[in-house]
C-alpha atoms as a PDB file:
ATOM      1  CA  MET A   1      73.891 171.668 101.818  1.00  0.00           C
ATOM      2  CA  THR A   2      70.269 171.061 102.659  1.00  0.00           C
ATOM      3  CA  LEU A   3      68.990 167.509 102.511  1.00  0.00           C
ATOM      4  CA  HIS A   4      65.337 166.599 102.501  1.00  0.00           C
ATOM      5  CA  VAL A   5      64.350 163.682 104.697  1.00  0.00           C
ATOM      6  CA  LEU A   6      61.203 161.604 104.979  1.00  0.00           C
ATOM      7  CA  PHE A   7      61.098 160.085 108.476  1.00  0.00           C
ATOM      8  CA  THR A   8      59.469 156.839 109.598  1.00  0.00           C
ATOM      9  CA  GLU A   9      57.251 156.732 112.693  1.00  0.00           C
ATOM     10  CA  ASP A  10      60.352 155.762 114.710  1.00  0.00           C
ATOM     11  CA  GLY A  11      62.271 158.847 113.577  1.00  0.00           C
ATOM     12  CA  ILE A  12      64.483 156.884 111.231  1.00  0.00           C
ATOM     13  CA  PRO A  13      65.277 158.598 107.936  1.00  0.00           C
ATOM     14  CA  GLY A  14      63.382 156.462 105.443  1.00  0.00           C
ATOM     15  CA  TRP A  15      64.149 158.581 102.407  1.00  0.00           C
ATOM     16  CA  ILE A  16      66.928 161.124 101.889  1.00  0.00           C
ATOM     17  CA  GLY A  17      67.244 163.345  98.845  1.00  0.00           C
ATOM     18  CA  SER A  18      68.502 166.681  97.607  1.00  0.00           C
ATOM     19  CA  ASP A  19      65.078 167.778  96.347  1.00  0.00           C
ATOM     20  CA  PRO A  20      61.901 168.096  98.444  1.00  0.00           C
ATOM     21  CA  ARG A  21      59.245 165.408  98.313  1.00  0.00           C
ATOM     22  CA  ASP A  22      55.718 165.230  99.764  1.00  0.00           C
ATOM     23  CA  GLY A  23      56.083 164.849 103.531  1.00  0.00           C
ATOM     24  CA  SER A  24      59.853 165.416 103.583  1.00  0.00           C
ATOM     25  CA  GLU A  25      61.538 167.894 105.894  1.00  0.00           C
ATOM     26  CA  PRO A  26      64.610 169.999 105.157  1.00  0.00           C
ATOM     27  CA  VAL A  27      67.659 169.140 107.286  1.00  0.00           C
ATOM     28  CA  ASP A  28      70.655 171.486 107.242  1.00  0.00           C
ATOM     29  CA  GLY A  29      74.247 170.662 108.084  1.00  0.00           C
ATOM     30  CA  LEU A  30      73.906 166.849 108.289  1.00  0.00           C
ATOM     31  CA  THR A  31      75.418 164.281 105.966  1.00  0.00           C
ATOM     32  CA  VAL A  32      73.808 161.207 104.501  1.00  0.00           C
ATOM     33  CA  GLU A  33      76.242 159.085 106.543  1.00  0.00           C
ATOM     34  CA  PHE A  34      75.113 160.768 109.783  1.00  0.00           C
ATOM     35  CA  LEU A  35      71.455 160.324 108.883  1.00  0.00           C
ATOM     36  CA  ALA A  36      72.025 156.654 108.072  1.00  0.00           C
ATOM     37  CA  ARG A  37      73.491 156.041 111.551  1.00  0.00           C
ATOM     38  CA  HIS A  38      71.057 158.121 113.624  1.00  0.00           C
ATOM     39  CA  ARG A  39      67.386 158.603 114.286  1.00  0.00           C
ATOM     40  CA  ARG A  40      65.452 161.601 115.552  1.00  0.00           C
ATOM     41  CA  THR A  41      63.503 161.309 118.793  1.00  0.00           C
ATOM     42  CA  ALA A  42      60.031 162.746 119.248  1.00  0.00           C
ATOM     43  CA  LYS A  43      61.661 165.750 120.958  1.00  0.00           C
ATOM     44  CA  GLY A  44      63.920 166.355 117.950  1.00  0.00           C
ATOM     45  CA  LYS A  45      67.139 165.041 119.499  1.00  0.00           C
ATOM     46  CA  TRP A  46      69.434 162.934 117.301  1.00  0.00           C
ATOM     47  CA  VAL A  47      70.509 159.584 118.794  1.00  0.00           C
ATOM     48  CA  ALA A  48      72.700 156.857 117.364  1.00  0.00           C
ATOM     49  CA  ARG A  49      70.866 153.821 116.111  1.00  0.00           C
ATOM     50  CA  GLY A  50      71.985 150.425 117.343  1.00  0.00           C
ATOM     51  CA  PRO A  51      73.240 147.807 114.957  1.00  0.00           C
ATOM     52  CA  VAL A  52      70.555 146.356 112.764  1.00  0.00           C
ATOM     53  CA  ALA A  53      69.835 142.787 113.755  1.00  0.00           C
ATOM     54  CA  ASP A  54      70.018 140.309 110.920  1.00  0.00           C
ATOM     55  CA  ALA A  55      66.517 138.908 110.579  1.00  0.00           C
ATOM     56  CA  GLY A  56      67.838 135.876 108.766  1.00  0.00           C
ATOM     57  CA  PRO A  57      66.038 134.105 105.977  1.00  0.00           C
ATOM     58  CA  SER A  58      62.260 133.848 105.887  1.00  0.00           C
ATOM     59  CA  ARG A  59      60.579 130.581 106.815  1.00  0.00           C
ATOM     60  CA  GLU A  60      59.908 129.891 103.162  1.00  0.00           C
ATOM     61  CA  ALA A  61      63.512 130.592 102.169  1.00  0.00           C
ATOM     62  CA  ALA A  62      64.786 128.414 105.030  1.00  0.00           C
ATOM     63  CA  ALA A  63      62.461 125.575 103.986  1.00  0.00           C
ATOM     64  CA  LEU A  64      63.602 125.860 100.368  1.00  0.00           C
ATOM     65  CA  GLN A  65      67.234 125.828 101.480  1.00  0.00           C
ATOM     66  CA  ARG A  66      66.682 122.745 103.674  1.00  0.00           C
ATOM     67  CA  GLU A  67      65.034 120.950 100.755  1.00  0.00           C
ATOM     68  CA  ALA A  68      67.868 121.924  98.400  1.00  0.00           C
ATOM     69  CA  ASP A  69      70.431 120.731 100.962  1.00  0.00           C
ATOM     70  CA  HIS A  70      68.570 117.436 101.339  1.00  0.00           C
ATOM     71  CA  GLN A  71      68.372 116.899  97.580  1.00  0.00           C
ATOM     72  CA  GLU A  72      72.095 117.607  97.260  1.00  0.00           C
ATOM     73  CA  ALA A  73      72.877 115.135 100.062  1.00  0.00           C
ATOM     74  CA  VAL A  74      70.715 112.490  98.343  1.00  0.00           C
ATOM     75  CA  ALA A  75      72.509 113.079  95.032  1.00  0.00           C
ATOM     76  CA  VAL A  76      75.948 112.851  96.671  1.00  0.00           C
ATOM     77  CA  ARG A  77      74.929 109.649  98.451  1.00  0.00           C
ATOM     78  CA  ASP A  78      73.576 108.139  95.215  1.00  0.00           C
ATOM     79  CA  VAL A  79      76.850 108.773  93.399  1.00  0.00           C
ATOM     80  CA  ALA A  80      78.846 107.249  96.260  1.00  0.00           C
ATOM     81  CA  VAL A  81      76.576 104.185  96.441  1.00  0.00           C
ATOM     82  CA  ARG A  82      76.744 103.630  92.693  1.00  0.00           C
ATOM     83  CA  ALA A  83      80.541 103.848  92.709  1.00  0.00           C
ATOM     84  CA  ALA A  84      80.864 101.479  95.663  1.00  0.00           C
ATOM     85  CA  LEU A  85      78.382  98.984  94.207  1.00  0.00           C
ATOM     86  CA  ALA A  86      80.232  99.046  90.884  1.00  0.00           C
ATOM     87  CA  ALA A  87      83.556  98.431  92.610  1.00  0.00           C
ATOM     88  CA  GLU A  88      82.479  95.908  95.234  1.00  0.00           C
ATOM     89  CA  ALA A  89      79.112  94.248  94.552  1.00  0.00           C
ATOM     90  CA  ASP A  90      78.898  94.150  90.763  1.00  0.00           C
ATOM     91  CA  PRO A  91      81.962  91.902  90.381  1.00  0.00           C
ATOM     92  CA  LEU A  92      80.363  89.470  92.852  1.00  0.00           C
ATOM     93  CA  PHE A  93      77.123  89.560  90.879  1.00  0.00           C
ATOM     94  CA  PHE A  94      78.910  88.439  87.723  1.00  0.00           C
ATOM     95  CA  ARG A  95      80.872  85.821  89.660  1.00  0.00           C
ATOM     96  CA  TRP A  96      77.546  84.559  91.087  1.00  0.00           C
ATOM     97  CA  GLN A  97      76.143  84.389  87.539  1.00  0.00           C
ATOM     98  CA  ARG A  98      79.099  82.189  86.595  1.00  0.00           C
ATOM     99  CA  GLY A  99      78.587  80.021  89.703  1.00  0.00           C
ATOM    100  CA  GLU A 100      81.832  81.086  91.388  1.00  0.00           C
ATOM    101  CA  VAL A 101      80.227  82.607  94.530  1.00  0.00           C
ATOM    102  CA  THR A 102      76.812  82.319  96.171  1.00  0.00           C
ATOM    103  CA  LYS A 103      73.943  84.739  95.771  1.00  0.00           C
ATOM    104  CA  ALA A 104      74.281  85.418  99.501  1.00  0.00           C
ATOM    105  CA  ASP A 105      77.864  86.670  98.944  1.00  0.00           C
ATOM    106  CA  TRP A 106      76.649  89.158  96.352  1.00  0.00           C
ATOM    107  CA  LEU A 107      73.654  90.314  98.450  1.00  0.00           C
ATOM    108  CA  THR A 108      75.872  90.678 101.526  1.00  0.00           C
ATOM    109  CA  ALA A 109      78.166  92.992  99.558  1.00  0.00           C
ATOM    110  CA  VAL A 110      75.160  95.081  98.487  1.00  0.00           C
ATOM    111  CA  VAL A 111      73.899  95.359 102.080  1.00  0.00           C
ATOM    112  CA  GLU A 112      77.371  96.320 103.342  1.00  0.00           C
ATOM    113  CA  VAL A 113      77.708  99.091 100.762  1.00  0.00           C
ATOM    114  CA  LYS A 114      74.250 100.504 101.520  1.00  0.00           C
ATOM    115  CA  ALA A 115      74.970 100.353 105.260  1.00  0.00           C
ATOM    116  CA  ARG A 116      78.075 102.518 104.731  1.00  0.00           C
ATOM    117  CA  PHE A 117      76.037 105.123 102.876  1.00  0.00           C
ATOM    118  CA  PRO A 118      72.698 105.578 104.717  1.00  0.00           C
ATOM    119  CA  LYS A 119      70.005 107.708 103.120  1.00  0.00           C
ATOM    120  CA  PRO A 120      70.126 111.298 104.397  1.00  0.00           C
ATOM    121  CA  GLU A 121      67.288 112.295 106.694  1.00  0.00           C
ATOM    122  CA  ARG A 122      65.346 115.474 106.189  1.00  0.00           C
ATOM    123  CA  ALA A 123      66.264 118.284 108.558  1.00  0.00           C
END
């Protein structure tokens, strides 16, 4: 079966099809799998291509991901702080309102809770 291939400047098959296309060349006896794993040198010799390096995310995508991670960490911290304040500091607040403990006792509990759950820093 004859395949038609459009090569890049590096000899890498950039387009492979069964029908001709402007700029494509007919290639006989090669499979799509072979073409996907090889490139053609300037002298016409076929050589195996190395593994494609993962370029990773773009700077913009990485920045968006860091911001999303930060926002998630802030939300998780907020939930934890609210739960701890409700369990530990709020009862002292009401006891302070009734004159059973000092304001300092209540504020100390608030500071201790917030110290256990510091605000996440941006990466």
